[in-house]
Amino acid sequence: MATTPRSATTPRSATTVGNAGVVASDDLLALENQVCFALAVAARGVIGVYRPILEPLGLTHPQYLVMLALWGRSPRTVRDLGEALQLEPATLSPLLKRLEAQGYVTRERSARDERALDVALTDAGRALRERALAIPPQVVDRLGMSLDELGALRDRLAEVIAAVQRG
């Protein structure tokens, strides 16, 4: 295996050639070394796995996340949903409007605070949960990873999210 030696004067762009003939770079600016790139590609890929699974339910991935939050607790204020989903009101509002148009949620002024908007599941929204129970096993199957592997990945990503939020 050929290796370019590193020394105090060796630039960060030094590369090594492995036994498969693949060039691995320790360049801090190499695309393949970027955490942001790996996360972006993985996120697009995983969301792409969900797309055909959610299609029969008439949901996009962001709408599915809203429904997950509401299946966990309903009603919720728009502010509470935004915090739970880490979405800005300008992003969340159109999602809620579409879910309301589909008959899955209602949006009404809160009786406790008229400045707040309560979002609640309808009967159709609650019934959709039963159909959605088939989603996680399909995702696990399509990703070809065990529940333990996916749980460990989720936990590590939660650590990344927490680190970013501590910022």
N, C-alpha and C. Protein backbone atom coordinates (compact mmCIF):
# COMPACT_ATOMS: atom_id res chain seq x y z
N MET A 1 0.83 -1.16 0.00
CA MET A 1 0.00 0.00 0.00
C MET A 1 0.89 1.23 0.00
N ALA A 2 0.68 2.11 -0.98
CA ALA A 2 1.47 3.33 -1.08
C ALA A 2 0.85 4.40 -0.22
N THR A 3 1.70 5.11 0.50
CA THR A 3 1.20 6.15 1.37
C THR A 3 2.08 7.37 1.22
N THR A 4 1.46 8.52 1.15
CA THR A 4 2.21 9.75 1.16
C THR A 4 2.48 10.08 2.62
N PRO A 5 3.75 10.19 3.02
CA PRO A 5 4.04 10.45 4.43
C PRO A 5 3.57 11.83 4.85
N ARG A 6 3.11 11.93 6.10
CA ARG A 6 2.68 13.22 6.65
C ARG A 6 3.79 13.73 7.55
N SER A 7 4.08 14.96 7.42
CA SER A 7 5.02 15.60 8.33
C SER A 7 4.50 16.98 8.62
N ALA A 8 5.22 17.71 9.41
CA ALA A 8 4.79 19.06 9.76
C ALA A 8 4.69 19.93 8.52
N THR A 9 5.40 19.58 7.44
CA THR A 9 5.38 20.40 6.23
C THR A 9 4.48 19.82 5.14
N THR A 10 3.92 18.64 5.37
CA THR A 10 3.05 18.04 4.36
C THR A 10 1.72 18.77 4.35
N PRO A 11 1.27 19.21 3.18
CA PRO A 11 0.00 19.92 3.12
C PRO A 11 -1.17 19.01 3.46
N ARG A 12 -2.29 19.60 3.88
CA ARG A 12 -3.48 18.84 4.27
C ARG A 12 -4.10 18.09 3.10
N SER A 13 -3.61 18.29 1.91
CA SER A 13 -4.20 17.62 0.76
C SER A 13 -3.53 16.29 0.44
N ALA A 14 -2.68 15.79 1.32
CA ALA A 14 -2.01 14.52 1.09
C ALA A 14 -3.05 13.41 0.99
N THR A 15 -2.78 12.43 0.12
CA THR A 15 -3.73 11.33 -0.06
C THR A 15 -3.03 10.01 0.16
N THR A 16 -3.84 9.00 0.39
CA THR A 16 -3.33 7.64 0.50
C THR A 16 -4.08 6.78 -0.49
N VAL A 17 -3.42 5.78 -1.01
CA VAL A 17 -4.06 4.86 -1.94
C VAL A 17 -4.18 3.52 -1.23
N GLY A 18 -5.42 3.07 -1.04
CA GLY A 18 -5.67 1.82 -0.35
C GLY A 18 -5.53 0.64 -1.29
N ASN A 19 -5.71 -0.58 -0.76
CA ASN A 19 -5.56 -1.79 -1.56
C ASN A 19 -6.64 -1.92 -2.63
N ALA A 20 -7.74 -1.17 -2.51
CA ALA A 20 -8.78 -1.22 -3.55
C ALA A 20 -8.51 -0.18 -4.62
N GLY A 21 -7.41 0.57 -4.48
CA GLY A 21 -7.09 1.59 -5.46
C GLY A 21 -7.90 2.86 -5.28
N VAL A 22 -8.63 2.97 -4.16
CA VAL A 22 -9.45 4.15 -3.89
C VAL A 22 -8.59 5.19 -3.20
N VAL A 23 -8.72 6.41 -3.65
CA VAL A 23 -7.96 7.49 -3.04
C VAL A 23 -8.77 8.04 -1.88
N ALA A 24 -8.17 8.02 -0.69
CA ALA A 24 -8.80 8.60 0.48
C ALA A 24 -8.02 9.84 0.85
N SER A 25 -8.70 10.92 1.08
CA SER A 25 -8.03 12.17 1.33
C SER A 25 -8.23 12.60 2.77
N ASP A 26 -7.21 13.17 3.36
CA ASP A 26 -7.37 13.75 4.69
C ASP A 26 -7.51 15.27 4.57
N ASP A 27 -7.81 15.74 3.35
CA ASP A 27 -8.04 17.16 3.10
C ASP A 27 -9.31 17.58 3.84
N LEU A 28 -9.19 18.56 4.71
CA LEU A 28 -10.34 19.01 5.49
C LEU A 28 -11.46 19.56 4.62
N LEU A 29 -11.15 19.94 3.40
CA LEU A 29 -12.17 20.48 2.51
C LEU A 29 -12.61 19.50 1.43
N ALA A 30 -12.19 18.26 1.52
CA ALA A 30 -12.63 17.25 0.56
C ALA A 30 -14.11 16.93 0.82
N LEU A 31 -14.88 16.90 -0.24
CA LEU A 31 -16.32 16.66 -0.12
C LEU A 31 -16.63 15.42 0.70
N GLU A 32 -15.91 14.32 0.44
CA GLU A 32 -16.19 13.07 1.14
C GLU A 32 -15.86 13.12 2.63
N ASN A 33 -15.18 14.16 3.07
CA ASN A 33 -14.85 14.31 4.49
C ASN A 33 -15.84 15.20 5.24
N GLN A 34 -16.84 15.71 4.56
CA GLN A 34 -17.76 16.67 5.16
C GLN A 34 -18.95 15.97 5.82
N VAL A 35 -19.13 16.23 7.09
CA VAL A 35 -20.29 15.71 7.82
C VAL A 35 -21.57 16.26 7.21
N CYS A 36 -21.55 17.54 6.84
CA CYS A 36 -22.76 18.15 6.26
C CYS A 36 -23.18 17.45 4.98
N PHE A 37 -22.21 17.04 4.18
CA PHE A 37 -22.53 16.35 2.93
C PHE A 37 -23.15 14.98 3.21
N ALA A 38 -22.54 14.23 4.11
CA ALA A 38 -23.06 12.90 4.45
C ALA A 38 -24.48 13.01 5.02
N LEU A 39 -24.70 13.99 5.90
CA LEU A 39 -26.04 14.16 6.48
C LEU A 39 -27.06 14.57 5.42
N ALA A 40 -26.68 15.47 4.53
CA ALA A 40 -27.60 15.93 3.49
C ALA A 40 -27.98 14.79 2.54
N VAL A 41 -27.00 14.01 2.11
CA VAL A 41 -27.27 12.90 1.19
C VAL A 41 -28.11 11.83 1.90
N ALA A 42 -27.76 11.52 3.15
CA ALA A 42 -28.53 10.52 3.90
C ALA A 42 -29.97 11.00 4.11
N ALA A 43 -30.14 12.27 4.46
CA ALA A 43 -31.50 12.80 4.68
C ALA A 43 -32.33 12.71 3.42
N ARG A 44 -31.76 13.15 2.29
CA ARG A 44 -32.50 13.06 1.02
C ARG A 44 -32.85 11.62 0.70
N GLY A 45 -31.92 10.73 0.92
CA GLY A 45 -32.14 9.31 0.62
C GLY A 45 -33.22 8.70 1.49
N VAL A 46 -33.16 8.97 2.78
CA VAL A 46 -34.16 8.39 3.69
C VAL A 46 -35.54 8.97 3.40
N ILE A 47 -35.61 10.27 3.16
CA ILE A 47 -36.91 10.87 2.82
C ILE A 47 -37.43 10.28 1.51
N GLY A 48 -36.52 9.99 0.59
CA GLY A 48 -36.91 9.33 -0.66
C GLY A 48 -37.48 7.94 -0.43
N VAL A 49 -36.98 7.25 0.58
CA VAL A 49 -37.53 5.93 0.93
C VAL A 49 -38.97 6.08 1.42
N TYR A 50 -39.24 7.13 2.16
CA TYR A 50 -40.59 7.35 2.70
C TYR A 50 -41.61 7.73 1.61
N ARG A 51 -41.15 8.44 0.57
CA ARG A 51 -42.08 9.00 -0.42
C ARG A 51 -43.09 7.98 -0.97
N PRO A 52 -42.66 6.84 -1.52
CA PRO A 52 -43.65 5.91 -2.07
C PRO A 52 -44.49 5.21 -0.99
N ILE A 53 -43.97 5.16 0.22
CA ILE A 53 -44.72 4.54 1.32
C ILE A 53 -45.84 5.48 1.79
N LEU A 54 -45.55 6.77 1.80
CA LEU A 54 -46.53 7.76 2.26
C LEU A 54 -47.56 8.13 1.20
N GLU A 55 -47.19 7.95 -0.05
CA GLU A 55 -48.05 8.35 -1.16
C GLU A 55 -49.48 7.78 -1.06
N PRO A 56 -49.65 6.49 -0.77
CA PRO A 56 -51.02 5.96 -0.66
C PRO A 56 -51.84 6.60 0.46
N LEU A 57 -51.15 7.19 1.45
CA LEU A 57 -51.86 7.87 2.53
C LEU A 57 -52.15 9.33 2.19
N GLY A 58 -51.62 9.78 1.06
CA GLY A 58 -51.83 11.16 0.66
C GLY A 58 -51.00 12.15 1.47
N LEU A 59 -49.88 11.68 2.02
CA LEU A 59 -49.04 12.53 2.86
C LEU A 59 -47.66 12.73 2.25
N THR A 60 -47.14 13.93 2.44
CA THR A 60 -45.74 14.19 2.17
C THR A 60 -44.97 13.87 3.45
N HIS A 61 -43.65 13.81 3.37
CA HIS A 61 -42.87 13.53 4.57
C HIS A 61 -43.07 14.59 5.65
N PRO A 62 -43.03 15.90 5.31
CA PRO A 62 -43.29 16.90 6.36
C PRO A 62 -44.69 16.77 6.98
N GLN A 63 -45.69 16.45 6.17
CA GLN A 63 -47.04 16.24 6.71
C GLN A 63 -47.07 15.04 7.64
N TYR A 64 -46.35 13.99 7.29
CA TYR A 64 -46.25 12.80 8.13
C TYR A 64 -45.67 13.16 9.49
N LEU A 65 -44.65 14.00 9.50
CA LEU A 65 -44.05 14.41 10.78
C LEU A 65 -45.05 15.18 11.63
N VAL A 66 -45.84 16.04 11.01
CA VAL A 66 -46.90 16.76 11.74
C VAL A 66 -47.89 15.76 12.33
N MET A 67 -48.29 14.80 11.52
CA MET A 67 -49.26 13.80 12.00
C MET A 67 -48.67 12.98 13.15
N LEU A 68 -47.39 12.62 13.06
CA LEU A 68 -46.75 11.88 14.15
C LEU A 68 -46.84 12.68 15.45
N ALA A 69 -46.55 13.98 15.36
CA ALA A 69 -46.62 14.83 16.55
C ALA A 69 -48.04 14.89 17.10
N LEU A 70 -49.01 14.96 16.22
CA LEU A 70 -50.41 15.03 16.68
C LEU A 70 -50.91 13.68 17.17
N TRP A 71 -50.44 12.60 16.60
CA TRP A 71 -50.83 11.28 17.12
C TRP A 71 -50.27 11.08 18.52
N GLY A 72 -49.18 11.75 18.81
CA GLY A 72 -48.61 11.70 20.15
C GLY A 72 -49.41 12.51 21.15
N ARG A 73 -49.97 13.65 20.68
CA ARG A 73 -50.80 14.50 21.55
C ARG A 73 -51.61 15.46 20.70
N SER A 74 -52.89 15.47 20.93
CA SER A 74 -53.80 16.36 20.22
C SER A 74 -54.91 16.77 21.18
N PRO A 75 -55.28 18.03 21.21
CA PRO A 75 -54.81 19.13 20.39
C PRO A 75 -53.48 19.70 20.90
N ARG A 76 -52.85 20.45 20.01
CA ARG A 76 -51.61 21.16 20.32
C ARG A 76 -51.70 22.54 19.68
N THR A 77 -51.04 23.49 20.28
CA THR A 77 -50.99 24.81 19.65
C THR A 77 -49.99 24.76 18.49
N VAL A 78 -50.15 25.70 17.58
CA VAL A 78 -49.22 25.79 16.46
C VAL A 78 -47.81 26.03 17.01
N ARG A 79 -47.70 26.86 18.04
CA ARG A 79 -46.39 27.14 18.63
C ARG A 79 -45.76 25.85 19.18
N ASP A 80 -46.55 25.06 19.90
CA ASP A 80 -46.07 23.80 20.46
C ASP A 80 -45.64 22.83 19.35
N LEU A 81 -46.45 22.74 18.30
CA LEU A 81 -46.09 21.87 17.17
C LEU A 81 -44.78 22.34 16.52
N GLY A 82 -44.66 23.65 16.34
CA GLY A 82 -43.45 24.19 15.75
C GLY A 82 -42.22 23.87 16.57
N GLU A 83 -42.35 23.96 17.90
CA GLU A 83 -41.22 23.62 18.77
C GLU A 83 -40.90 22.13 18.70
N ALA A 84 -41.94 21.29 18.72
CA ALA A 84 -41.72 19.84 18.68
C ALA A 84 -41.06 19.42 17.37
N LEU A 85 -41.47 20.04 16.28
CA LEU A 85 -40.96 19.67 14.95
C LEU A 85 -39.76 20.51 14.53
N GLN A 86 -39.42 21.50 15.34
CA GLN A 86 -38.34 22.43 15.02
C GLN A 86 -38.57 23.08 13.66
N LEU A 87 -39.80 23.57 13.48
CA LEU A 87 -40.18 24.26 12.25
C LEU A 87 -40.65 25.67 12.59
N GLU A 88 -40.37 26.59 11.69
CA GLU A 88 -40.84 27.96 11.82
C GLU A 88 -42.32 28.01 11.46
N PRO A 89 -43.06 28.95 12.04
CA PRO A 89 -44.49 29.09 11.71
C PRO A 89 -44.74 29.24 10.21
N ALA A 90 -43.87 29.95 9.50
CA ALA A 90 -44.05 30.14 8.06
C ALA A 90 -43.94 28.82 7.29
N THR A 91 -43.23 27.86 7.82
CA THR A 91 -43.11 26.54 7.20
C THR A 91 -44.26 25.65 7.63
N LEU A 92 -44.63 25.74 8.89
CA LEU A 92 -45.66 24.87 9.45
C LEU A 92 -47.07 25.24 8.96
N SER A 93 -47.35 26.50 8.84
CA SER A 93 -48.70 26.95 8.49
C SER A 93 -49.23 26.35 7.19
N PRO A 94 -48.47 26.35 6.08
CA PRO A 94 -49.00 25.72 4.87
C PRO A 94 -49.21 24.21 5.01
N LEU A 95 -48.36 23.55 5.81
CA LEU A 95 -48.55 22.11 6.06
C LEU A 95 -49.88 21.88 6.75
N LEU A 96 -50.18 22.70 7.74
CA LEU A 96 -51.42 22.55 8.49
C LEU A 96 -52.63 22.85 7.62
N LYS A 97 -52.51 23.84 6.77
CA LYS A 97 -53.62 24.18 5.86
C LYS A 97 -53.93 23.01 4.94
N ARG A 98 -52.87 22.37 4.41
CA ARG A 98 -53.10 21.22 3.51
C ARG A 98 -53.70 20.04 4.28
N LEU A 99 -53.22 19.80 5.50
CA LEU A 99 -53.78 18.70 6.30
C LEU A 99 -55.23 18.99 6.67
N GLU A 100 -55.54 20.24 6.89
CA GLU A 100 -56.93 20.61 7.18
C GLU A 100 -57.80 20.40 5.94
N ALA A 101 -57.30 20.78 4.77
CA ALA A 101 -58.03 20.60 3.52
C ALA A 101 -58.27 19.11 3.24
N GLN A 102 -57.34 18.26 3.69
CA GLN A 102 -57.50 16.81 3.51
C GLN A 102 -58.45 16.21 4.54
N GLY A 103 -58.84 16.99 5.53
CA GLY A 103 -59.76 16.51 6.55
C GLY A 103 -59.11 15.80 7.71
N TYR A 104 -57.79 15.93 7.87
CA TYR A 104 -57.08 15.23 8.94
C TYR A 104 -56.97 16.05 10.23
N VAL A 105 -57.01 17.38 10.11
CA VAL A 105 -56.88 18.24 11.30
C VAL A 105 -57.87 19.39 11.22
N THR A 106 -58.10 19.99 12.37
CA THR A 106 -58.83 21.26 12.44
C THR A 106 -57.91 22.28 13.08
N ARG A 107 -58.13 23.54 12.73
CA ARG A 107 -57.39 24.65 13.34
C ARG A 107 -58.42 25.63 13.88
N GLU A 108 -58.33 25.90 15.17
CA GLU A 108 -59.29 26.82 15.81
C GLU A 108 -58.55 27.66 16.84
N ARG A 109 -59.07 28.87 17.07
CA ARG A 109 -58.52 29.72 18.12
C ARG A 109 -58.68 29.00 19.45
N SER A 110 -57.67 29.09 20.28
CA SER A 110 -57.68 28.44 21.59
C SER A 110 -58.66 29.12 22.52
N ALA A 111 -59.41 28.31 23.24
CA ALA A 111 -60.34 28.84 24.25
C ALA A 111 -59.56 29.43 25.43
N ARG A 112 -58.35 28.92 25.68
CA ARG A 112 -57.52 29.40 26.79
C ARG A 112 -56.80 30.70 26.46
N ASP A 113 -56.43 30.88 25.19
CA ASP A 113 -55.68 32.06 24.77
C ASP A 113 -56.03 32.33 23.32
N GLU A 114 -56.82 33.38 23.07
CA GLU A 114 -57.31 33.63 21.71
C GLU A 114 -56.19 34.00 20.73
N ARG A 115 -55.00 34.30 21.24
CA ARG A 115 -53.86 34.56 20.35
C ARG A 115 -53.29 33.26 19.79
N ALA A 116 -53.57 32.16 20.46
CA ALA A 116 -53.02 30.86 20.05
C ALA A 116 -54.01 30.13 19.15
N LEU A 117 -53.45 29.32 18.27
CA LEU A 117 -54.25 28.49 17.37
C LEU A 117 -54.05 27.04 17.76
N ASP A 118 -55.15 26.35 18.09
CA ASP A 118 -55.10 24.94 18.43
C ASP A 118 -55.25 24.10 17.16
N VAL A 119 -54.46 23.06 17.08
CA VAL A 119 -54.55 22.09 15.98
C VAL A 119 -54.95 20.77 16.61
N ALA A 120 -56.02 20.18 16.08
CA ALA A 120 -56.52 18.92 16.63
C ALA A 120 -56.78 17.93 15.50
N LEU A 121 -56.64 16.67 15.83
CA LEU A 121 -56.95 15.61 14.87
C LEU A 121 -58.45 15.49 14.69
N THR A 122 -58.87 15.19 13.47
CA THR A 122 -60.26 14.85 13.21
C THR A 122 -60.39 13.33 13.35
N ASP A 123 -61.59 12.83 13.21
CA ASP A 123 -61.78 11.37 13.22
C ASP A 123 -60.96 10.72 12.10
N ALA A 124 -60.94 11.38 10.93
CA ALA A 124 -60.17 10.83 9.80
C ALA A 124 -58.67 10.86 10.12
N GLY A 125 -58.21 11.88 10.80
CA GLY A 125 -56.81 11.97 11.19
C GLY A 125 -56.43 10.89 12.18
N ARG A 126 -57.34 10.62 13.13
CA ARG A 126 -57.08 9.54 14.09
C ARG A 126 -57.10 8.18 13.39
N ALA A 127 -58.01 8.00 12.46
CA ALA A 127 -58.11 6.72 11.73
C ALA A 127 -56.88 6.48 10.86
N LEU A 128 -56.30 7.56 10.35
CA LEU A 128 -55.11 7.43 9.51
C LEU A 128 -53.95 6.79 10.27
N ARG A 129 -53.93 6.97 11.58
CA ARG A 129 -52.86 6.40 12.40
C ARG A 129 -52.79 4.88 12.23
N GLU A 130 -53.93 4.23 12.17
CA GLU A 130 -53.96 2.77 12.00
C GLU A 130 -53.27 2.35 10.71
N ARG A 131 -53.53 3.07 9.64
CA ARG A 131 -52.88 2.77 8.36
C ARG A 131 -51.38 3.08 8.43
N ALA A 132 -51.02 4.10 9.19
CA ALA A 132 -49.62 4.52 9.29
C ALA A 132 -48.76 3.54 10.08
N LEU A 133 -49.38 2.66 10.84
CA LEU A 133 -48.61 1.67 11.60
C LEU A 133 -47.78 0.77 10.69
N ALA A 134 -48.17 0.68 9.43
CA ALA A 134 -47.42 -0.15 8.46
C ALA A 134 -46.18 0.56 7.92
N ILE A 135 -46.02 1.85 8.20
CA ILE A 135 -44.90 2.61 7.63
C ILE A 135 -43.55 2.20 8.22
N PRO A 136 -43.36 2.22 9.54
CA PRO A 136 -42.02 1.91 10.08
C PRO A 136 -41.45 0.56 9.62
N PRO A 137 -42.24 -0.53 9.62
CA PRO A 137 -41.65 -1.80 9.16
C PRO A 137 -41.20 -1.75 7.69
N GLN A 138 -41.95 -1.01 6.86
CA GLN A 138 -41.56 -0.88 5.45
C GLN A 138 -40.26 -0.09 5.31
N VAL A 139 -40.10 0.95 6.12
CA VAL A 139 -38.86 1.74 6.07
C VAL A 139 -37.68 0.88 6.51
N VAL A 140 -37.85 0.14 7.60
CA VAL A 140 -36.78 -0.74 8.09
C VAL A 140 -36.40 -1.73 7.00
N ASP A 141 -37.39 -2.31 6.36
CA ASP A 141 -37.14 -3.29 5.30
C ASP A 141 -36.39 -2.66 4.13
N ARG A 142 -36.82 -1.48 3.70
CA ARG A 142 -36.19 -0.84 2.54
C ARG A 142 -34.78 -0.35 2.84
N LEU A 143 -34.52 0.02 4.08
CA LEU A 143 -33.17 0.46 4.44
C LEU A 143 -32.23 -0.72 4.66
N GLY A 144 -32.78 -1.88 4.96
CA GLY A 144 -31.95 -3.07 5.16
C GLY A 144 -31.07 -2.98 6.40
N MET A 145 -31.55 -2.26 7.39
CA MET A 145 -30.80 -2.13 8.64
C MET A 145 -31.68 -2.68 9.77
N SER A 146 -31.02 -3.16 10.81
CA SER A 146 -31.78 -3.69 11.94
C SER A 146 -32.36 -2.55 12.77
N LEU A 147 -33.34 -2.88 13.60
CA LEU A 147 -33.91 -1.89 14.51
C LEU A 147 -32.85 -1.34 15.46
N ASP A 148 -31.93 -2.21 15.89
CA ASP A 148 -30.85 -1.77 16.77
C ASP A 148 -29.94 -0.77 16.06
N GLU A 149 -29.60 -1.05 14.81
CA GLU A 149 -28.74 -0.14 14.05
C GLU A 149 -29.43 1.21 13.84
N LEU A 150 -30.70 1.16 13.48
CA LEU A 150 -31.44 2.41 13.26
C LEU A 150 -31.62 3.18 14.57
N GLY A 151 -31.85 2.47 15.67
CA GLY A 151 -31.97 3.13 16.97
C GLY A 151 -30.67 3.80 17.37
N ALA A 152 -29.56 3.13 17.13
CA ALA A 152 -28.24 3.71 17.45
C ALA A 152 -27.97 4.94 16.58
N LEU A 153 -28.35 4.86 15.31
CA LEU A 153 -28.18 6.00 14.41
C LEU A 153 -29.04 7.17 14.88
N ARG A 154 -30.28 6.91 15.21
CA ARG A 154 -31.19 7.96 15.70
C ARG A 154 -30.61 8.61 16.96
N ASP A 155 -30.08 7.79 17.87
CA ASP A 155 -29.51 8.32 19.11
C ASP A 155 -28.30 9.21 18.83
N ARG A 156 -27.44 8.79 17.90
CA ARG A 156 -26.26 9.60 17.54
C ARG A 156 -26.69 10.91 16.89
N LEU A 157 -27.71 10.83 16.04
CA LEU A 157 -28.22 12.05 15.40
C LEU A 157 -28.84 12.99 16.44
N ALA A 158 -29.48 12.43 17.44
CA ALA A 158 -30.03 13.26 18.53
C ALA A 158 -28.90 13.99 19.23
N GLU A 159 -27.76 13.33 19.39
CA GLU A 159 -26.59 13.99 20.00
C GLU A 159 -26.08 15.12 19.10
N VAL A 160 -26.08 14.90 17.80
CA VAL A 160 -25.66 15.95 16.87
C VAL A 160 -26.63 17.13 16.97
N ILE A 161 -27.92 16.84 16.99
CA ILE A 161 -28.93 17.91 17.08
C ILE A 161 -28.72 18.70 18.38
N ALA A 162 -28.51 18.00 19.47
CA ALA A 162 -28.29 18.67 20.76
C ALA A 162 -27.04 19.54 20.71
N ALA A 163 -25.98 19.05 20.11
CA ALA A 163 -24.74 19.83 20.00
C ALA A 163 -24.96 21.09 19.17
N VAL A 164 -25.71 20.97 18.09
CA VAL A 164 -25.99 22.12 17.24
C VAL A 164 -26.83 23.14 18.02
N GLN A 165 -27.80 22.67 18.77
CA GLN A 165 -28.66 23.57 19.53
C GLN A 165 -27.90 24.27 20.66
N ARG A 166 -26.90 23.59 21.22
CA ARG A 166 -26.07 24.23 22.25
C ARG A 166 -25.22 25.32 21.62
N GLY A 167 -24.89 25.09 20.34
CA GLY A 167 -24.16 25.95 19.48
C GLY A 167 -23.17 26.87 19.96
